[in-house]
Amino acid sequence: MPGIDECLREAMAVPGARGASLVDWTSGLALGTAGESPVGDHETTAAETAELARAAAEYDSFTAGGKEPAESAQSAESLSKGPPVEDLIVTTRGGYHLLRFVETAFDSSVFLHLWLDRDTGNLALARIRLRDLAERLVLG
């Protein structure tokens, strides 16, 4: 089970990876970084991606899962067991940004951010690898 540094090294081994980070979406702080940042500063990237993650995790349109209102109490209970969103993908002209929420034993407010080159990255493979890393990540 990898810690933060090993997890980020493994993320950087994904074909086309340009940068990776583990971010707390509540505070917007990077808990660890590797590779490049799209804006040249990992802390700025962490704060900006945290805003996106927070919006997706808090808006009912993304977290309700298409349930009818009568089922929403039941779905709210199941959402409290883990992150409300699995992952987010943002496509830009030059790359992909994949944000994978991490389920933790404590408040699940962290995600892995992987920045992929659009020409050399494989988004499907990156999603699979990031899911695996998020499941194995040990935060201590």
N, C-alpha and C. Protein backbone atom coordinates (compact mmCIF):
# COMPACT_ATOMS: atom_id res chain seq x y z
N MET A 1 0.85 -1.17 0.00
CA MET A 1 0.00 0.00 0.00
C MET A 1 0.90 1.24 0.00
N PRO A 2 0.79 2.03 -1.03
CA PRO A 2 1.69 3.19 -1.14
C PRO A 2 1.25 4.39 -0.30
N GLY A 3 2.26 5.14 0.14
CA GLY A 3 2.00 6.42 0.78
C GLY A 3 1.90 7.48 -0.30
N ILE A 4 1.87 8.74 0.10
CA ILE A 4 1.67 9.84 -0.84
C ILE A 4 2.77 9.90 -1.90
N ASP A 5 4.03 9.87 -1.48
CA ASP A 5 5.12 10.00 -2.44
C ASP A 5 5.14 8.86 -3.45
N GLU A 6 4.97 7.64 -2.97
CA GLU A 6 4.96 6.48 -3.87
C GLU A 6 3.76 6.54 -4.81
N CYS A 7 2.62 6.95 -4.29
CA CYS A 7 1.42 7.08 -5.10
C CYS A 7 1.64 8.07 -6.25
N LEU A 8 2.24 9.21 -5.93
CA LEU A 8 2.49 10.22 -6.97
C LEU A 8 3.53 9.74 -7.97
N ARG A 9 4.54 8.97 -7.52
CA ARG A 9 5.51 8.38 -8.46
C ARG A 9 4.82 7.43 -9.42
N GLU A 10 3.92 6.61 -8.89
CA GLU A 10 3.17 5.68 -9.73
C GLU A 10 2.25 6.42 -10.70
N ALA A 11 1.65 7.50 -10.25
CA ALA A 11 0.79 8.31 -11.13
C ALA A 11 1.60 8.89 -12.28
N MET A 12 2.83 9.32 -11.98
CA MET A 12 3.69 9.90 -13.02
C MET A 12 4.16 8.85 -14.03
N ALA A 13 4.02 7.56 -13.70
CA ALA A 13 4.38 6.49 -14.63
C ALA A 13 3.28 6.23 -15.66
N VAL A 14 2.12 6.83 -15.49
CA VAL A 14 1.04 6.69 -16.47
C VAL A 14 1.48 7.37 -17.77
N PRO A 15 1.33 6.69 -18.90
CA PRO A 15 1.75 7.31 -20.17
C PRO A 15 1.12 8.68 -20.39
N GLY A 16 1.95 9.66 -20.71
CA GLY A 16 1.48 11.01 -20.97
C GLY A 16 1.37 11.90 -19.75
N ALA A 17 1.69 11.36 -18.56
CA ALA A 17 1.57 12.16 -17.32
C ALA A 17 2.54 13.32 -17.34
N ARG A 18 2.04 14.50 -17.04
CA ARG A 18 2.88 15.70 -16.95
C ARG A 18 3.03 16.17 -15.51
N GLY A 19 2.01 15.95 -14.71
CA GLY A 19 2.06 16.36 -13.32
C GLY A 19 1.00 15.63 -12.51
N ALA A 20 1.26 15.50 -11.21
CA ALA A 20 0.31 14.82 -10.33
C ALA A 20 0.37 15.48 -8.96
N SER A 21 -0.74 15.43 -8.26
CA SER A 21 -0.77 15.96 -6.90
C SER A 21 -1.89 15.30 -6.12
N LEU A 22 -1.73 15.34 -4.81
CA LEU A 22 -2.78 14.92 -3.89
C LEU A 22 -3.23 16.20 -3.21
N VAL A 23 -4.52 16.49 -3.29
CA VAL A 23 -5.04 17.78 -2.84
C VAL A 23 -6.17 17.58 -1.83
N ASP A 24 -6.17 18.40 -0.81
CA ASP A 24 -7.28 18.47 0.13
C ASP A 24 -8.27 19.48 -0.44
N TRP A 25 -9.46 19.02 -0.83
CA TRP A 25 -10.39 19.93 -1.50
C TRP A 25 -11.10 20.86 -0.54
N THR A 26 -11.01 20.62 0.74
CA THR A 26 -11.59 21.54 1.71
C THR A 26 -10.74 22.79 1.85
N SER A 27 -9.42 22.60 1.97
CA SER A 27 -8.51 23.73 2.18
C SER A 27 -7.88 24.24 0.89
N GLY A 28 -7.83 23.38 -0.15
CA GLY A 28 -7.17 23.75 -1.39
C GLY A 28 -5.67 23.59 -1.35
N LEU A 29 -5.15 22.89 -0.35
CA LEU A 29 -3.71 22.71 -0.21
C LEU A 29 -3.25 21.39 -0.84
N ALA A 30 -2.09 21.43 -1.47
CA ALA A 30 -1.47 20.23 -2.02
C ALA A 30 -0.78 19.49 -0.89
N LEU A 31 -1.10 18.22 -0.73
CA LEU A 31 -0.47 17.39 0.30
C LEU A 31 0.81 16.75 -0.25
N GLY A 32 0.92 16.74 -1.57
CA GLY A 32 2.10 16.21 -2.24
C GLY A 32 2.00 16.50 -3.71
N THR A 33 3.15 16.68 -4.39
CA THR A 33 3.15 16.98 -5.82
C THR A 33 4.30 16.26 -6.50
N ALA A 34 4.14 16.08 -7.81
CA ALA A 34 5.20 15.48 -8.63
C ALA A 34 5.07 16.03 -10.05
N GLY A 35 6.18 16.13 -10.75
CA GLY A 35 6.14 16.60 -12.13
C GLY A 35 5.89 18.08 -12.24
N GLU A 36 5.26 18.46 -13.35
CA GLU A 36 5.00 19.86 -13.66
C GLU A 36 3.62 20.30 -13.17
N SER A 37 3.41 21.59 -13.21
CA SER A 37 2.11 22.20 -12.94
C SER A 37 1.69 22.94 -14.20
N PRO A 38 0.41 22.91 -14.56
CA PRO A 38 -0.03 23.61 -15.77
C PRO A 38 0.23 25.11 -15.75
N VAL A 39 0.29 25.70 -14.55
CA VAL A 39 0.52 27.14 -14.44
C VAL A 39 1.89 27.45 -13.83
N GLY A 40 2.71 26.43 -13.66
CA GLY A 40 4.05 26.64 -13.13
C GLY A 40 4.14 26.66 -11.61
N ASP A 41 3.01 26.53 -10.92
CA ASP A 41 2.99 26.59 -9.47
C ASP A 41 1.98 25.57 -8.95
N HIS A 42 2.48 24.55 -8.25
CA HIS A 42 1.60 23.47 -7.77
C HIS A 42 0.55 23.97 -6.78
N GLU A 43 0.88 24.95 -5.96
CA GLU A 43 -0.09 25.44 -4.97
C GLU A 43 -1.26 26.15 -5.65
N THR A 44 -0.98 26.91 -6.71
CA THR A 44 -2.06 27.57 -7.46
C THR A 44 -2.94 26.52 -8.12
N THR A 45 -2.32 25.53 -8.73
CA THR A 45 -3.08 24.45 -9.37
C THR A 45 -3.94 23.72 -8.35
N ALA A 46 -3.38 23.44 -7.16
CA ALA A 46 -4.13 22.76 -6.11
C ALA A 46 -5.36 23.58 -5.70
N ALA A 47 -5.17 24.86 -5.50
CA ALA A 47 -6.29 25.72 -5.09
C ALA A 47 -7.37 25.77 -6.16
N GLU A 48 -6.96 25.87 -7.42
CA GLU A 48 -7.94 25.96 -8.52
C GLU A 48 -8.67 24.64 -8.72
N THR A 49 -7.97 23.52 -8.68
CA THR A 49 -8.64 22.23 -8.85
C THR A 49 -9.53 21.92 -7.65
N ALA A 50 -9.15 22.40 -6.47
CA ALA A 50 -9.98 22.18 -5.28
C ALA A 50 -11.32 22.88 -5.42
N GLU A 51 -11.33 24.05 -6.04
CA GLU A 51 -12.60 24.76 -6.27
C GLU A 51 -13.52 23.92 -7.15
N LEU A 52 -12.97 23.34 -8.20
CA LEU A 52 -13.75 22.49 -9.10
C LEU A 52 -14.25 21.24 -8.37
N ALA A 53 -13.37 20.60 -7.62
CA ALA A 53 -13.74 19.39 -6.89
C ALA A 53 -14.83 19.68 -5.86
N ARG A 54 -14.66 20.78 -5.15
CA ARG A 54 -15.63 21.16 -4.12
C ARG A 54 -17.01 21.40 -4.74
N ALA A 55 -17.04 22.08 -5.87
CA ALA A 55 -18.32 22.34 -6.53
C ALA A 55 -18.99 21.03 -6.94
N ALA A 56 -18.24 20.12 -7.53
CA ALA A 56 -18.81 18.85 -7.97
C ALA A 56 -19.28 18.02 -6.77
N ALA A 57 -18.54 18.05 -5.68
CA ALA A 57 -18.88 17.25 -4.51
C ALA A 57 -20.04 17.80 -3.71
N GLU A 58 -20.33 19.08 -3.86
CA GLU A 58 -21.36 19.70 -3.04
C GLU A 58 -22.68 19.96 -3.75
N TYR A 59 -22.69 19.99 -5.09
CA TYR A 59 -23.93 20.26 -5.80
C TYR A 59 -24.74 18.99 -6.00
N ASP A 60 -26.02 19.07 -5.67
CA ASP A 60 -26.91 17.92 -5.75
C ASP A 60 -26.99 17.34 -7.16
N SER A 61 -26.84 18.16 -8.18
CA SER A 61 -26.92 17.66 -9.55
C SER A 61 -25.88 16.59 -9.83
N PHE A 62 -24.74 16.67 -9.16
CA PHE A 62 -23.68 15.70 -9.39
C PHE A 62 -23.69 14.56 -8.38
N THR A 63 -24.19 14.81 -7.18
CA THR A 63 -24.10 13.81 -6.13
C THR A 63 -25.35 12.95 -5.98
N ALA A 64 -26.49 13.40 -6.49
CA ALA A 64 -27.73 12.66 -6.29
C ALA A 64 -27.80 11.40 -7.13
N GLY A 65 -27.05 11.31 -8.18
CA GLY A 65 -27.02 10.10 -8.99
C GLY A 65 -28.30 9.83 -9.75
N GLY A 66 -29.09 10.87 -10.00
CA GLY A 66 -30.30 10.69 -10.78
C GLY A 66 -31.43 10.03 -10.02
N LYS A 67 -31.40 10.04 -8.71
CA LYS A 67 -32.43 9.40 -7.88
C LYS A 67 -33.67 10.28 -7.81
N GLU A 68 -34.79 9.63 -7.63
CA GLU A 68 -36.03 10.35 -7.41
C GLU A 68 -35.98 10.97 -6.01
N PRO A 69 -36.71 12.06 -5.77
CA PRO A 69 -36.69 12.70 -4.46
C PRO A 69 -36.99 11.75 -3.30
N ALA A 70 -37.88 10.77 -3.50
CA ALA A 70 -38.22 9.84 -2.44
C ALA A 70 -37.02 8.98 -2.05
N GLU A 71 -36.11 8.79 -2.99
CA GLU A 71 -34.93 7.96 -2.72
C GLU A 71 -33.75 8.78 -2.21
N SER A 72 -33.88 10.11 -2.17
CA SER A 72 -32.73 10.95 -1.84
C SER A 72 -32.23 10.75 -0.41
N ALA A 73 -33.09 10.46 0.54
CA ALA A 73 -32.64 10.23 1.92
C ALA A 73 -31.77 8.98 1.97
N GLN A 74 -32.18 7.95 1.24
CA GLN A 74 -31.41 6.72 1.20
C GLN A 74 -30.07 6.94 0.50
N SER A 75 -30.09 7.71 -0.59
CA SER A 75 -28.84 7.96 -1.31
C SER A 75 -27.92 8.85 -0.48
N ALA A 76 -28.47 9.78 0.30
CA ALA A 76 -27.64 10.63 1.14
C ALA A 76 -26.90 9.79 2.18
N GLU A 77 -27.58 8.78 2.69
CA GLU A 77 -26.93 7.89 3.66
C GLU A 77 -25.78 7.12 3.01
N SER A 78 -25.99 6.62 1.80
CA SER A 78 -24.93 5.87 1.13
C SER A 78 -23.78 6.77 0.70
N LEU A 79 -24.06 8.05 0.42
CA LEU A 79 -23.01 8.97 0.03
C LEU A 79 -22.08 9.30 1.19
N SER A 80 -22.61 9.24 2.40
CA SER A 80 -21.77 9.57 3.55
C SER A 80 -20.70 8.52 3.79
N LYS A 81 -20.79 7.37 3.14
CA LYS A 81 -19.81 6.29 3.32
C LYS A 81 -18.56 6.51 2.49
N GLY A 82 -18.55 7.43 1.58
CA GLY A 82 -17.39 7.68 0.76
C GLY A 82 -17.54 8.98 0.01
N PRO A 83 -16.56 9.28 -0.85
CA PRO A 83 -16.66 10.53 -1.62
C PRO A 83 -17.93 10.54 -2.47
N PRO A 84 -18.57 11.68 -2.60
CA PRO A 84 -19.82 11.75 -3.35
C PRO A 84 -19.64 11.62 -4.86
N VAL A 85 -18.45 11.88 -5.36
CA VAL A 85 -18.16 11.82 -6.79
C VAL A 85 -16.94 10.92 -6.95
N GLU A 86 -16.93 10.09 -7.99
CA GLU A 86 -15.76 9.22 -8.21
C GLU A 86 -14.61 9.99 -8.84
N ASP A 87 -14.88 10.59 -9.98
CA ASP A 87 -13.83 11.36 -10.64
C ASP A 87 -14.41 12.43 -11.54
N LEU A 88 -13.56 13.38 -11.90
CA LEU A 88 -13.91 14.46 -12.81
C LEU A 88 -12.87 14.48 -13.92
N ILE A 89 -13.31 14.79 -15.12
CA ILE A 89 -12.39 14.92 -16.24
C ILE A 89 -12.63 16.27 -16.89
N VAL A 90 -11.55 17.03 -17.02
CA VAL A 90 -11.61 18.32 -17.72
C VAL A 90 -10.68 18.19 -18.91
N THR A 91 -11.23 18.45 -20.09
CA THR A 91 -10.46 18.37 -21.31
C THR A 91 -10.10 19.77 -21.78
N THR A 92 -8.81 20.00 -22.01
CA THR A 92 -8.36 21.28 -22.54
C THR A 92 -7.75 21.03 -23.92
N ARG A 93 -7.38 22.07 -24.60
CA ARG A 93 -6.80 21.90 -25.94
C ARG A 93 -5.50 21.11 -25.91
N GLY A 94 -4.76 21.21 -24.81
CA GLY A 94 -3.47 20.54 -24.74
C GLY A 94 -3.41 19.33 -23.83
N GLY A 95 -4.47 19.08 -23.07
CA GLY A 95 -4.37 17.97 -22.14
C GLY A 95 -5.67 17.60 -21.47
N TYR A 96 -5.53 16.68 -20.54
CA TYR A 96 -6.65 16.21 -19.73
C TYR A 96 -6.27 16.40 -18.27
N HIS A 97 -7.26 16.77 -17.47
CA HIS A 97 -7.09 16.85 -16.03
C HIS A 97 -8.06 15.84 -15.44
N LEU A 98 -7.51 14.88 -14.74
CA LEU A 98 -8.31 13.84 -14.12
C LEU A 98 -8.22 14.01 -12.61
N LEU A 99 -9.37 14.18 -11.97
CA LEU A 99 -9.44 14.32 -10.52
C LEU A 99 -10.15 13.09 -9.98
N ARG A 100 -9.47 12.31 -9.19
CA ARG A 100 -10.03 11.09 -8.61
C ARG A 100 -10.17 11.26 -7.11
N PHE A 101 -11.40 11.21 -6.61
CA PHE A 101 -11.65 11.36 -5.18
C PHE A 101 -11.18 10.11 -4.45
N VAL A 102 -10.61 10.31 -3.27
CA VAL A 102 -10.03 9.22 -2.49
C VAL A 102 -10.90 8.96 -1.28
N GLU A 103 -11.29 7.71 -1.09
CA GLU A 103 -12.05 7.32 0.09
C GLU A 103 -11.07 7.05 1.21
N THR A 104 -11.31 7.65 2.36
CA THR A 104 -10.41 7.51 3.49
C THR A 104 -11.19 7.07 4.73
N ALA A 105 -10.46 6.65 5.76
CA ALA A 105 -11.09 6.25 7.02
C ALA A 105 -11.64 7.47 7.76
N PHE A 106 -11.08 8.64 7.46
CA PHE A 106 -11.56 9.88 8.07
C PHE A 106 -12.34 10.65 7.01
N ASP A 107 -12.59 11.91 7.22
CA ASP A 107 -13.33 12.74 6.27
C ASP A 107 -12.71 12.66 4.88
N SER A 108 -13.46 12.17 3.94
CA SER A 108 -12.96 11.99 2.57
C SER A 108 -12.95 13.31 1.82
N SER A 109 -11.92 14.09 2.05
CA SER A 109 -11.86 15.39 1.41
C SER A 109 -10.57 15.56 0.60
N VAL A 110 -10.06 14.46 0.07
CA VAL A 110 -8.85 14.54 -0.75
C VAL A 110 -9.10 13.90 -2.11
N PHE A 111 -8.33 14.37 -3.08
CA PHE A 111 -8.40 13.78 -4.42
C PHE A 111 -7.02 13.77 -5.04
N LEU A 112 -6.86 12.86 -5.97
CA LEU A 112 -5.65 12.80 -6.79
C LEU A 112 -5.91 13.58 -8.06
N HIS A 113 -4.98 14.42 -8.44
CA HIS A 113 -5.08 15.19 -9.68
C HIS A 113 -3.95 14.73 -10.59
N LEU A 114 -4.31 14.27 -11.78
CA LEU A 114 -3.33 13.86 -12.77
C LEU A 114 -3.53 14.71 -14.01
N TRP A 115 -2.45 15.36 -14.45
CA TRP A 115 -2.47 16.18 -15.66
C TRP A 115 -1.79 15.38 -16.75
N LEU A 116 -2.54 15.13 -17.83
CA LEU A 116 -2.05 14.31 -18.95
C LEU A 116 -1.87 15.14 -20.20
N ASP A 117 -0.83 14.84 -20.95
CA ASP A 117 -0.65 15.42 -22.28
C ASP A 117 -1.71 14.83 -23.20
N ARG A 118 -2.35 15.67 -23.98
CA ARG A 118 -3.44 15.21 -24.83
C ARG A 118 -2.97 14.29 -25.97
N ASP A 119 -1.77 14.54 -26.48
CA ASP A 119 -1.27 13.74 -27.60
C ASP A 119 -0.74 12.37 -27.17
N THR A 120 -0.15 12.29 -25.99
CA THR A 120 0.48 11.03 -25.58
C THR A 120 -0.25 10.32 -24.45
N GLY A 121 -1.21 10.97 -23.83
CA GLY A 121 -1.93 10.38 -22.71
C GLY A 121 -3.06 9.48 -23.18
N ASN A 122 -3.37 8.50 -22.35
CA ASN A 122 -4.49 7.59 -22.59
C ASN A 122 -5.45 7.76 -21.42
N LEU A 123 -6.53 8.46 -21.67
CA LEU A 123 -7.47 8.82 -20.61
C LEU A 123 -8.10 7.59 -19.96
N ALA A 124 -8.46 6.60 -20.74
CA ALA A 124 -9.07 5.39 -20.17
C ALA A 124 -8.10 4.67 -19.24
N LEU A 125 -6.87 4.50 -19.69
CA LEU A 125 -5.85 3.85 -18.87
C LEU A 125 -5.57 4.68 -17.61
N ALA A 126 -5.52 5.99 -17.75
CA ALA A 126 -5.27 6.86 -16.60
C ALA A 126 -6.37 6.73 -15.56
N ARG A 127 -7.62 6.64 -16.00
CA ARG A 127 -8.73 6.48 -15.06
C ARG A 127 -8.60 5.17 -14.28
N ILE A 128 -8.24 4.11 -14.96
CA ILE A 128 -8.08 2.80 -14.32
C ILE A 128 -6.94 2.84 -13.31
N ARG A 129 -5.81 3.38 -13.72
CA ARG A 129 -4.64 3.43 -12.83
C ARG A 129 -4.89 4.34 -11.62
N LEU A 130 -5.53 5.48 -11.85
CA LEU A 130 -5.80 6.39 -10.74
C LEU A 130 -6.80 5.79 -9.77
N ARG A 131 -7.79 5.07 -10.28
CA ARG A 131 -8.74 4.38 -9.40
C ARG A 131 -8.01 3.39 -8.51
N ASP A 132 -7.11 2.61 -9.12
CA ASP A 132 -6.33 1.63 -8.37
C ASP A 132 -5.47 2.32 -7.30
N LEU A 133 -4.79 3.40 -7.69
CA LEU A 133 -3.96 4.12 -6.73
C LEU A 133 -4.79 4.69 -5.58
N ALA A 134 -5.94 5.25 -5.90
CA ALA A 134 -6.80 5.83 -4.86
C ALA A 134 -7.27 4.76 -3.87
N GLU A 135 -7.51 3.57 -4.37
CA GLU A 135 -7.97 2.49 -3.49
C GLU A 135 -6.84 1.98 -2.59
N ARG A 136 -5.60 2.05 -3.08
CA ARG A 136 -4.47 1.52 -2.32
C ARG A 136 -3.75 2.56 -1.46
N LEU A 137 -4.02 3.83 -1.71
CA LEU A 137 -3.32 4.91 -1.02
C LEU A 137 -3.52 4.84 0.49
N VAL A 138 -2.42 4.96 1.21
CA VAL A 138 -2.46 4.97 2.66
C VAL A 138 -2.13 6.38 3.14
N LEU A 139 -3.09 6.99 3.82
CA LEU A 139 -2.86 8.32 4.39
C LEU A 139 -2.71 8.16 5.89
N GLY A 140 -1.62 8.67 6.42
CA GLY A 140 -1.39 8.47 7.83
C GLY A 140 -1.02 9.64 8.55
